[in-house]
Amino acid sequence: MTERFTLGEFQDEHARGNAKCPDCWMSYPKPHAGCTGLMHAEFGDENCDGDYWLYTKCDVCGKNEYDE
């Protein structure tokens, strides 16, 4: 069974180690440059200009993509 972890405001579950995680936003997960894991992402919010941000988390080290 695939190990799962939570991400985002609503704590949606993502599949650890799955390069085709069906719960990820758009082109994620991506290889995490900081370790051997995958960076998963989920929609966060957007402003009135249409700019958006994401919740991100590596499935190995747990770091956020923006904190690199």
Protein backbone atom coordinates (compact mmCIF):
# COMPACT_ATOMS: atom_id res chain seq x y z
CA MET A 1 0.00 0.00 0.00
CA THR A 2 1.26 3.50 -0.85
CA GLU A 3 2.14 5.70 2.10
CA ARG A 4 0.21 8.96 2.10
CA PHE A 5 0.81 12.39 3.64
CA THR A 6 -1.28 15.52 3.96
CA LEU A 7 -0.74 18.90 2.35
CA GLY A 8 -2.52 22.23 2.20
CA GLU A 9 -5.22 24.06 4.09
CA PHE A 10 -7.69 21.20 3.77
CA GLN A 11 -5.06 18.51 4.50
CA ASP A 12 -5.65 16.61 1.25
CA GLU A 13 -3.71 13.35 0.98
CA HIS A 14 -0.86 12.83 -1.50
CA ALA A 15 0.95 9.62 -2.45
CA ARG A 16 4.54 9.53 -1.19
CA GLY A 17 6.99 8.50 -3.93
CA ASN A 18 4.37 8.56 -6.70
CA ALA A 19 5.69 10.62 -9.64
CA LYS A 20 2.13 10.67 -11.03
CA CYS A 21 0.34 11.61 -7.82
CA PRO A 22 -3.27 12.25 -8.93
CA ASP A 23 -3.84 14.74 -6.11
CA CYS A 24 -1.11 17.19 -7.19
CA TRP A 25 -1.62 20.53 -8.88
CA MET A 26 -0.92 20.71 -12.64
CA SER A 27 2.72 19.77 -13.45
CA TYR A 28 3.53 18.44 -9.97
CA PRO A 29 5.04 16.42 -8.44
CA LYS A 30 8.50 17.51 -9.55
CA PRO A 31 11.91 16.20 -8.48
CA HIS A 32 13.09 18.11 -5.41
CA ALA A 33 16.51 19.60 -6.12
CA GLY A 34 17.38 19.62 -2.41
CA CYS A 35 17.11 15.85 -1.89
CA THR A 36 15.94 12.66 -3.59
CA GLY A 37 12.23 13.28 -3.00
CA LEU A 38 9.34 14.65 -5.01
CA MET A 39 7.85 18.11 -4.49
CA HIS A 40 4.06 17.84 -4.30
CA ALA A 41 1.77 20.86 -4.66
CA GLU A 42 -1.78 21.92 -4.08
CA PHE A 43 -3.65 25.11 -4.98
CA GLY A 44 -3.47 27.73 -2.23
CA ASP A 45 -5.30 30.86 -3.33
CA GLU A 46 -5.29 33.66 -5.91
CA ASN A 47 -5.61 37.44 -5.91
CA CYS A 48 -7.84 39.70 -8.02
CA ASP A 49 -5.13 39.85 -10.74
CA GLY A 50 -5.25 36.08 -11.20
CA ASP A 51 -1.85 35.49 -9.58
CA TYR A 52 -1.93 32.32 -7.50
CA TRP A 53 0.24 30.53 -4.98
CA LEU A 54 0.57 26.89 -4.02
CA TYR A 55 1.11 24.81 -0.93
CA THR A 56 4.18 22.65 -1.58
CA LYS A 57 5.93 19.89 0.36
CA CYS A 58 8.67 17.37 -0.39
CA ASP A 59 7.59 13.79 0.27
CA VAL A 60 11.04 12.88 1.68
CA CYS A 61 12.48 15.85 3.62
CA GLY A 62 9.21 17.76 4.18
CA LYS A 63 10.59 21.12 3.02
CA ASN A 64 8.47 23.71 1.25
CA GLU A 65 9.55 24.62 -2.29
CA TYR A 66 9.58 28.33 -1.44
CA ASP A 67 11.86 27.94 1.58
CA GLU A 68 14.80 26.63 -0.42
